[in-house]
Each structure stands twice: as C-alpha cells, then as structure tokens.
C-alpha cells in the first residue's frame, strides 16, 4: 500500500494573504533538504504537503522534521475513497503495535462528496479492527492509539500518531541575516534560532591563519553543514582576519584589543550584509558572559553598524545554550579543540565597560579602510549543503 509523509504547517496557517509566499518558501526548503531521496517529490494539496515514500521512511522523516515551518508529520497509508481499502489500511496501522491495548478511530471528512458521515466511517472501521485483531478494545476517551482517517479529495489518509517537528517559520520567509559564526558553542545555536524565525543565514567566519589551523576552518564548515539541514544551503564567507589582529596588537592599547577587534568584525559583517542583501547581523553574544558582552561593550561595538544586531541568546544561561547545541547536533563539533580567532591575543585585563571616545581614539591609528579591503580581498566563499 502506498505511503506518504503528511506534513502539517505551524504559524504559516495564520499568515493570511502572505500564506502562499510562506508555503513557496517551505516547499523550496523541503526540496533542498531532501536532495536525491524520495525522488525529490513534494506534493501540495489543500493546505497540506505530502512526500511520497517507499523504503527510505526513516531518512525522509529525519530530514523533513528538521525543516522550520512544519509543526508535525505523520506516516500515512494512502487509499482510494473506498471503505474496504480504508479498513485494510487501518488494520495494517494498528498491527504495527504488537502489544495490544485500547484504540479509537477518529475521522475527518474535508471532502463532503464521500457518501458516509464521519461517525459512520469511524464505526465501520472500528468494528473491522475489533473483528480482525486480538488484545484490542475501544476507549474513546483515553485510548492508547488513535487511528486517524482523513477523507480528502485526492485520496484517503490513514495514520496513527504525530511526530513533532520544530515549528517556526520557513527559512527565508522573514529576510536574510549575516551570522558571525565562530567555532564555539554559542553562534551555531544563535543561527539556528534565527533560522527558526524565518531568517536565511549567510555565515561569516573570521579565520586567522596560520595562528588558527585549517582544521579550525573545516570545523566551522562542518557546523554550517549541520545547521544547513534545517533549511537548505548556507553561504559561508571565510574572512582572512590575521592582518587586522596583528595591526590591533601592534598599535592599540591592550585593554581595548577585544573591543576594537569586535568593531572591525562588525564593520566587515556590515559590508557583507550590504553585498548579500541582508538586513541584520546575528551573533551568539550572551549578556555578561565575557568581557565584550556587557551592555557598555555591546553599545560601543554596535556603533560601527546601522543595521540591527540580533542576539538570540542574550538572556540564556550557558547550560541552556549547551542543551540547545546538543538538541541540534552542533555540540560535539563545537567542543573539538581547535582555536578560533577570538581566543588569540586575549589581553589579561580587557576593558569590560569601555567608553566610545577612548575606543575611537585608540583605533584612530589604524588604517581601517585599508585593513578591511585587504581582509575582504583575501576572503573565500564556500557553499555548504546538508549531507
């Protein structure tokens, strides 16, 4: 019997006139993450999406359930509008539960052309299940298993259970943001949370070769690949940051190393945002976690860009962030022992509450524009796709 993955939308259903655009984004993202499996077929009908599946059920489910904009999925048997076929499909669904127990049949009939009413269908199917199974009884209030029957114009869908998904909005439906992606725990989680609210992520990693190894760069590419599974490809800019860090260390007061370095990062991110049509920066900063993450530091660092800086993790404690990282499968990659540029040249006593005036004076000795241009010219771009 034919099987399909029945996909239910979350917030998309509330978007009124914009719903079709949100659905188009979701359809595109589903096709991107499915790649060559399931024949890359995603069908739409009457406010639902369906992925026909054969032998690759688990793989399809694992990929689809990550995609933002989907609230739940069910593996459904598909039949014609024929009562005998519906009964057989329901029986096969219930036989998948070996231990017996209680069940009920619940029917929805969006296609009112079908001659039987919903209660009649439920009664007929329930009687068939009782007659052809052992160890099962009916409980309409708190059943162990609910057998769902949906009679739709294109066919009848019979399934048990719903597999929860991430919800949120389809990636790309609310705009584009540049994610400052380090090799640490925080920034991949921040990017994931931005994607959950519909942001298409453009990654930006600052690489300080030879002070940081090629393996540290590969680690960041691996992190981008993991989060790409939630909405398709990620365009990753790998920025050559070594000369900027050297210039800061040689010419600026030690207490301002971190602040000036972050201001240079934001200037570069601002340039890339304009190039990519992005309307925000996204960072993994968390209030009070390190020296550059006080309100005073954030204010001074923000001063170099006019576009919004989104900090999804700003109120989380470290344990919450680590829990998210484990949930989205970035944690084990993030803790691999390869340094990133933010761990280099760290001062013993960084300024935790810098003032804008002294920082501007300290960095005025730098040829900021030349450093930025040199950094951008040595950068590379990698298109990262899900495995």
Protein backbone atom coordinates (compact mmCIF):
# COMPACT_ATOMS: atom_id res chain seq x y z
CA UNK A 1 0.00 0.00 0.00
CA UNK A 2 1.30 3.45 -0.91
CA UNK A 3 2.75 5.52 1.93
CA UNK A 4 3.23 9.25 2.20
CA UNK A 5 4.58 11.65 4.79
CA UNK A 6 1.77 14.03 5.68
CA UNK A 7 3.17 17.45 6.60
CA UNK A 8 1.33 19.96 8.79
CA UNK A 9 2.14 23.65 8.87
CA UNK A 10 2.57 25.74 12.01
CA UNK A 11 2.39 29.52 12.01
CA UNK A 12 2.11 29.60 8.21
CA UNK A 13 -1.61 28.94 8.54
CA UNK A 14 -2.01 32.29 10.32
CA UNK A 15 -0.31 34.42 7.67
CA UNK A 16 -3.43 35.40 5.71
CA UNK A 17 -2.68 36.93 2.32
CA UNK A 18 1.03 36.09 2.63
CA UNK A 19 0.38 32.40 3.19
CA UNK A 20 1.16 31.38 -0.39
CA UNK A 21 4.58 33.03 -0.22
CA UNK A 22 5.38 31.24 3.05
CA UNK A 23 4.26 27.94 1.50
CA UNK A 24 6.51 28.51 -1.52
CA UNK A 25 9.49 29.07 0.78
CA UNK A 26 8.68 25.90 2.71
CA UNK A 27 8.32 23.88 -0.48
CA UNK A 28 11.71 25.10 -1.71
CA UNK A 29 13.37 24.30 1.63
CA UNK A 30 11.87 20.81 1.71
CA UNK A 31 13.18 20.04 -1.76
CA UNK A 32 16.62 21.34 -0.76
CA UNK A 33 16.96 19.14 2.31
CA UNK A 34 15.53 16.04 0.65
CA UNK A 35 18.15 16.13 -2.07
CA UNK A 36 18.04 12.95 -4.12
CA UNK A 37 15.94 10.86 -1.75
CA UNK A 38 12.20 10.28 -2.02
CA UNK A 39 12.53 11.12 -5.73
CA UNK A 40 12.72 14.74 -4.52
CA UNK A 41 8.93 14.89 -4.81
CA UNK A 42 6.95 17.20 -2.58
CA UNK A 43 3.27 17.47 -3.42
CA UNK A 44 0.87 20.17 -2.24
CA UNK A 45 -2.89 19.99 -1.93
CA UNK A 46 -5.46 21.94 0.07
CA UNK A 47 -3.16 23.43 2.69
CA UNK A 48 -1.03 20.32 3.20
CA UNK A 49 2.21 18.99 1.81
CA UNK A 50 2.99 15.35 1.11
CA UNK A 51 6.20 13.45 0.44
CA UNK A 52 5.62 10.02 -1.17
CA UNK A 53 7.92 7.49 0.49
CA UNK A 54 8.96 3.89 -0.13
CA UNK A 55 11.93 2.24 1.60
CA UNK A 56 13.63 5.36 2.96
CA UNK A 57 10.99 6.24 5.57
CA UNK A 58 13.35 6.96 8.49
CA UNK A 59 15.71 9.08 6.40
CA UNK A 60 12.86 11.15 4.98
CA UNK A 61 11.34 11.69 8.42
CA UNK A 62 14.65 12.76 9.98
CA UNK A 63 15.29 15.30 7.23
CA UNK A 64 11.77 16.68 6.98
CA UNK A 65 11.18 17.09 10.71
CA UNK A 66 14.14 19.49 10.96
CA UNK A 67 12.72 21.93 8.42
CA UNK A 68 11.34 25.07 10.03
CA UNK A 69 7.71 25.88 9.35
CA UNK A 70 6.50 22.32 10.00
CA UNK A 71 4.70 21.58 13.26
CA UNK A 72 4.27 17.80 12.87
CA UNK A 73 4.34 14.93 10.38
CA UNK A 74 2.63 11.55 10.13
CA UNK A 75 3.42 8.47 8.09
CA UNK A 76 0.10 7.75 6.38
CA UNK A 77 -1.21 4.97 4.19
CA UNK A 78 -2.95 6.37 1.11
CA UNK A 79 -6.05 4.69 -0.30
CA UNK A 80 -8.80 5.43 -2.75
CA UNK A 81 -12.16 6.61 -1.43
CA UNK A 82 -13.18 3.01 -0.88
CA UNK A 83 -14.33 1.73 2.51
CA UNK A 84 -12.74 -1.70 2.11
CA UNK A 85 -9.34 -0.13 1.38
CA UNK A 86 -9.74 2.24 4.32
CA UNK A 87 -10.47 -0.68 6.66
CA UNK A 88 -7.43 -2.61 5.43
CA UNK A 89 -5.16 0.40 5.83
CA UNK A 90 -6.41 0.98 9.38
CA UNK A 91 -5.81 -2.67 10.23
CA UNK A 92 -2.24 -2.52 8.96
CA UNK A 93 -1.63 0.63 11.01
CA UNK A 94 -2.91 -0.98 14.22
CA UNK A 95 -0.98 -4.19 13.59
CA UNK A 96 2.18 -2.10 13.84
CA UNK A 97 1.58 -2.03 17.61
CA UNK A 98 2.42 -5.52 18.86
CA UNK A 99 1.22 -5.37 22.46
CA UNK A 100 -2.47 -4.60 22.05
CA UNK A 101 -4.32 -2.10 24.22
CA UNK A 102 -7.08 0.41 23.60
CA UNK A 103 -7.85 2.39 20.47
CA UNK A 104 -10.35 4.69 18.87
CA UNK A 105 -10.97 5.68 15.27
CA UNK A 106 -11.30 9.38 14.52
CA UNK A 107 -12.45 10.51 11.08
CA UNK A 108 -12.25 13.87 9.34
CA UNK A 109 -14.10 14.33 6.07
CA UNK A 110 -12.99 17.52 4.28
CA UNK A 111 -14.36 16.05 1.05
CA UNK A 112 -18.09 16.12 1.72
CA UNK A 113 -18.77 14.27 -1.53
CA UNK A 114 -17.90 10.99 0.19
CA UNK A 115 -21.30 9.38 0.89
CA UNK A 116 -20.70 8.33 4.51
CA UNK A 117 -20.63 10.69 7.50
CA UNK A 118 -17.54 10.80 9.73
CA UNK A 119 -19.17 8.90 12.67
CA UNK A 120 -20.29 6.17 10.27
CA UNK A 121 -16.80 5.73 8.89
CA UNK A 122 -15.31 5.57 12.39
CA UNK A 123 -17.89 2.99 13.45
CA UNK A 124 -17.33 0.77 10.42
CA UNK A 125 -13.55 0.92 10.65
CA UNK A 126 -13.57 0.37 14.42
CA UNK A 127 -15.76 -2.71 14.07
CA UNK A 128 -13.41 -4.10 11.43
CA UNK A 129 -10.45 -3.63 13.75
CA UNK A 130 -12.19 -5.38 16.64
CA UNK A 131 -13.17 -8.30 14.42
CA UNK A 132 -9.69 -8.80 13.00
CA UNK A 133 -7.35 -8.24 15.96
CA UNK A 134 -6.79 -9.73 19.40
CA UNK A 135 -5.88 -7.86 22.57
CA UNK A 136 -7.51 -4.60 21.48
CA UNK A 137 -10.58 -2.84 22.86
CA UNK A 138 -12.21 0.54 22.25
CA UNK A 139 -11.68 3.55 24.53
CA UNK A 140 -12.98 6.79 23.03
CA UNK A 141 -11.77 8.94 25.94
CA UNK A 142 -8.13 8.00 26.63
CA UNK A 143 -7.04 5.45 24.02
CA UNK A 144 -3.51 4.13 23.74
CA UNK A 145 -3.70 4.56 19.96
CA UNK A 146 -5.84 6.85 17.83
CA UNK A 147 -6.35 5.70 14.25
CA UNK A 148 -6.92 8.79 12.13
CA UNK A 149 -8.85 8.66 8.87
CA UNK A 150 -8.82 11.77 6.67
CA UNK A 151 -11.09 11.67 3.63
CA UNK A 152 -9.76 14.22 1.16
CA UNK A 153 -10.47 14.88 -2.47
CA UNK A 154 -7.16 13.45 -3.65
CA UNK A 155 -7.45 10.29 -1.50
CA UNK A 156 -7.88 8.92 1.99
CA UNK A 157 -5.05 9.15 4.52
CA UNK A 158 -4.92 6.66 7.38
CA UNK A 159 -2.34 7.04 10.13
CA UNK A 160 -1.61 6.73 13.85
CA UNK A 161 0.32 9.33 15.79
CA UNK A 162 2.00 12.62 15.01
CA UNK A 163 5.76 13.16 15.05
CA UNK A 164 6.54 16.62 16.48
CA UNK A 165 8.77 18.97 14.47
CA UNK A 166 10.48 22.31 15.09
CA UNK A 167 7.64 24.64 14.10
CA UNK A 168 8.69 28.22 13.44
CA UNK A 169 8.70 29.88 10.03
CA UNK A 170 10.25 28.71 6.74
CA UNK A 171 13.86 29.80 6.34
CA UNK A 172 13.99 32.83 4.05
CA UNK A 173 10.45 33.99 4.78
CA UNK A 174 11.45 36.91 7.03
CA UNK A 175 14.63 38.06 5.31
CA UNK A 176 18.35 37.42 5.38
CA UNK A 177 20.91 37.87 8.16
CA UNK A 178 24.69 37.59 8.43
CA UNK A 179 25.66 35.16 11.20
CA UNK A 180 29.06 35.71 12.82
CA UNK A 181 29.92 32.03 13.03
CA UNK A 182 32.83 31.06 15.27
CA UNK A 183 33.81 27.52 16.10
CA UNK A 184 32.26 27.74 19.56
CA UNK A 185 29.04 26.54 21.12
CA UNK A 186 27.03 29.75 21.04
CA UNK A 187 26.97 31.10 17.48
CA UNK A 188 25.57 27.97 15.75
CA UNK A 189 22.70 27.97 18.27
CA UNK A 190 22.09 31.67 17.59
CA UNK A 191 21.99 30.95 13.87
CA UNK A 192 19.57 28.06 14.41
CA UNK A 193 17.24 30.28 16.44
CA UNK A 194 17.38 32.96 13.76
CA UNK A 195 16.51 30.34 11.15
CA UNK A 196 13.58 29.23 13.28
CA UNK A 197 12.12 32.72 12.90
CA UNK A 198 12.49 32.55 9.14
CA UNK A 199 15.93 34.11 8.62
CA UNK A 200 18.05 32.91 5.74
CA UNK A 201 21.54 32.72 7.21
CA UNK A 202 24.68 33.91 5.46
CA UNK A 203 27.65 32.73 7.51
CA UNK A 204 30.73 34.84 8.24
CA UNK A 205 33.76 33.25 9.88
CA UNK A 206 36.93 35.12 10.81
CA UNK A 207 39.97 32.94 10.17
CA UNK A 208 43.43 33.85 11.46
CA UNK A 209 45.71 31.51 9.53
CA UNK A 210 48.43 30.50 10.39
CA UNK A 211 47.60 31.24 14.04
CA UNK A 212 44.47 29.14 13.62
CA UNK A 213 44.72 25.88 11.70
CA UNK A 214 42.99 24.70 8.54
CA UNK A 215 41.22 22.19 10.75
CA UNK A 216 39.59 25.03 12.67
CA UNK A 217 38.19 26.29 9.36
CA UNK A 218 36.92 22.82 8.47
CA UNK A 219 35.23 22.66 11.86
CA UNK A 220 33.25 25.82 11.08
CA UNK A 221 32.28 24.43 7.67
CA UNK A 222 31.05 21.31 9.48
CA UNK A 223 28.95 23.49 11.81
CA UNK A 224 27.47 25.34 8.84
CA UNK A 225 26.64 21.99 7.25
CA UNK A 226 24.80 20.85 10.38
CA UNK A 227 22.60 23.95 10.57
CA UNK A 228 22.00 23.87 6.80
CA UNK A 229 19.91 20.74 7.40
CA UNK A 230 17.21 22.98 8.89
CA UNK A 231 16.52 24.92 5.72
CA UNK A 232 18.86 24.22 2.85
CA UNK A 233 22.26 25.56 1.88
CA UNK A 234 24.34 28.11 3.81
CA UNK A 235 26.62 30.55 2.01
CA UNK A 236 29.72 30.87 4.21
CA UNK A 237 32.21 33.75 3.90
CA UNK A 238 35.60 32.85 5.38
CA UNK A 239 37.32 36.14 6.13
CA UNK A 240 41.10 36.49 6.41
CA UNK A 241 41.45 38.30 9.75
CA UNK A 242 45.14 37.79 10.59
CA UNK A 243 46.44 41.16 9.39
CA UNK A 244 43.74 43.03 11.29
CA UNK A 245 44.56 41.24 14.53
CA UNK A 246 48.27 41.91 14.06
CA UNK A 247 47.62 45.60 13.46
CA UNK A 248 45.44 45.88 16.56
CA UNK A 249 48.04 44.13 18.71
CA UNK A 250 50.89 46.27 17.42
CA UNK A 251 49.17 49.65 17.57
CA UNK A 252 46.32 49.69 20.10
CA UNK A 253 46.14 49.61 23.91
CA UNK A 254 45.88 46.08 25.24
CA UNK A 255 42.73 46.75 27.26
CA UNK A 256 40.86 47.60 24.02
CA UNK A 257 42.03 44.62 21.92
CA UNK A 258 38.71 42.78 22.19
CA UNK A 259 36.52 45.85 21.71
CA UNK A 260 38.40 47.07 18.63
CA UNK A 261 38.57 43.55 17.19
CA UNK A 262 34.80 43.20 17.55
CA UNK A 263 34.25 46.62 15.96
CA UNK A 264 36.34 45.51 12.98
CA UNK A 265 34.33 42.31 12.73
CA UNK A 266 31.09 44.26 12.71
CA UNK A 267 32.40 46.63 10.03
CA UNK A 268 33.26 43.66 7.81
CA UNK A 269 29.93 41.99 8.58
CA UNK A 270 28.16 45.22 7.65
CA UNK A 271 29.91 45.26 4.26
CA UNK A 272 29.00 41.64 3.59
CA UNK A 273 25.41 42.28 4.67
CA UNK A 274 25.09 45.02 2.05
CA UNK A 275 26.65 42.76 -0.57
CA UNK A 276 24.28 39.89 0.29
CA UNK A 277 21.13 41.97 0.73
CA UNK A 278 20.99 41.05 4.43
CA UNK A 279 19.07 43.31 6.79
CA UNK A 280 20.56 42.21 10.13
CA UNK A 281 23.61 40.75 11.83
CA UNK A 282 23.21 37.71 14.09
CA UNK A 283 25.65 36.91 16.89
CA UNK A 284 25.99 34.36 19.66
CA UNK A 285 26.61 37.02 22.31
CA UNK A 286 25.15 36.49 25.74
CA UNK A 287 24.77 39.27 28.29
CA UNK A 288 27.55 39.24 30.87
CA UNK A 289 29.20 36.02 29.70
CA UNK A 290 32.58 37.52 28.68
CA UNK A 291 34.24 40.93 28.63
CA UNK A 292 32.84 42.01 25.26
CA UNK A 293 29.30 41.09 26.28
CA UNK A 294 28.45 43.83 28.77
CA UNK A 295 25.87 46.41 27.78
CA UNK A 296 28.60 49.04 27.57
CA UNK A 297 30.71 46.87 25.27
CA UNK A 298 27.76 45.96 23.09
CA UNK A 299 26.86 49.63 22.70
CA UNK A 300 30.38 50.63 21.69
CA UNK A 301 30.69 47.70 19.27
CA UNK A 302 27.27 48.32 17.72
CA UNK A 303 28.23 51.91 16.92
CA UNK A 304 30.00 50.90 13.70
CA UNK A 305 26.89 49.49 12.01
CA UNK A 306 23.46 50.94 11.33
CA UNK A 307 21.66 47.65 10.68
CA UNK A 308 20.03 45.69 13.53
CA UNK A 309 22.18 43.28 15.52
CA UNK A 310 20.15 40.28 16.65
CA UNK A 311 21.37 38.41 19.74
CA UNK A 312 19.03 35.44 20.20
CA UNK A 313 20.99 34.10 23.20
CA UNK A 314 21.20 37.33 25.17
CA UNK A 315 19.12 36.09 28.13
CA UNK A 316 20.14 32.41 28.15
CA UNK A 317 22.50 30.90 30.68
CA UNK A 318 25.33 28.68 29.46
CA UNK A 319 23.60 25.43 30.35
CA UNK A 320 20.54 26.37 28.29
CA UNK A 321 22.76 27.15 25.31
CA UNK A 322 24.59 23.84 25.68
CA UNK A 323 21.27 22.00 25.85
CA UNK A 324 20.19 23.63 22.59
CA UNK A 325 23.55 22.76 21.00
CA UNK A 326 23.06 19.10 21.89
CA UNK A 327 19.50 19.20 20.58
CA UNK A 328 20.58 20.50 17.17
CA UNK A 329 23.69 18.26 16.99
CA UNK A 330 26.30 21.03 16.96
CA UNK A 331 27.68 20.49 20.46
CA UNK A 332 30.14 17.66 19.75
CA UNK A 333 31.58 19.56 16.79
CA UNK A 334 31.77 22.85 18.70
CA UNK A 335 33.86 21.37 21.52
CA UNK A 336 36.55 19.97 19.22
CA UNK A 337 39.83 21.53 20.45
CA UNK A 338 40.67 23.90 17.62
CA UNK A 339 41.26 27.57 18.40
CA UNK A 340 39.29 30.33 16.71
CA UNK A 341 40.42 33.91 16.18
CA UNK A 342 38.58 35.17 19.28
CA UNK A 343 40.87 33.14 21.57
CA UNK A 344 44.04 34.67 20.12
CA UNK A 345 45.83 37.72 21.55
CA UNK A 346 43.46 37.90 24.51
CA UNK A 347 44.54 40.60 26.98
CA UNK A 348 44.92 39.78 30.67
CA UNK A 349 42.64 42.64 31.69
CA UNK A 350 40.20 43.58 28.91
CA UNK A 351 38.03 46.66 29.31
CA UNK A 352 34.59 45.49 30.41
CA UNK A 353 32.88 48.88 30.35
CA UNK A 354 34.59 50.79 27.55
CA UNK A 355 33.61 54.32 26.55
CA UNK A 356 33.16 55.19 22.89
CA UNK A 357 35.53 58.18 22.86
CA UNK A 358 38.65 56.41 24.17
CA UNK A 359 38.00 53.42 21.89
CA UNK A 360 37.66 55.63 18.81
CA UNK A 361 40.88 57.41 19.76
CA UNK A 362 42.68 54.09 20.28
CA UNK A 363 41.68 52.74 16.87
CA UNK A 364 42.32 56.02 15.04
CA UNK A 365 45.94 54.97 14.49
CA UNK A 366 44.73 52.14 12.24
CA UNK A 367 44.12 52.48 8.51
CA UNK A 368 40.70 50.93 8.96
CA UNK A 369 39.57 51.08 5.35
CA UNK A 370 42.79 49.53 4.01
CA UNK A 371 42.64 46.75 6.59
CA UNK A 372 39.03 45.96 5.72
CA UNK A 373 39.69 45.95 1.98
CA UNK A 374 42.74 43.73 2.38
CA UNK A 375 40.75 41.34 4.54
CA UNK A 376 37.87 41.13 2.05
CA UNK A 377 40.20 40.59 -0.90
CA UNK A 378 41.76 37.55 0.79
CA UNK A 379 38.44 36.03 1.78
CA UNK A 380 36.79 32.97 0.24
CA UNK A 381 33.20 31.81 -0.10
CA UNK A 382 32.02 28.24 0.46
CA UNK A 383 28.52 26.99 -0.37
CA UNK A 384 27.61 24.46 2.31
CA UNK A 385 24.78 21.98 1.79
CA UNK A 386 23.24 19.30 4.04
CA UNK A 387 24.79 15.83 3.95
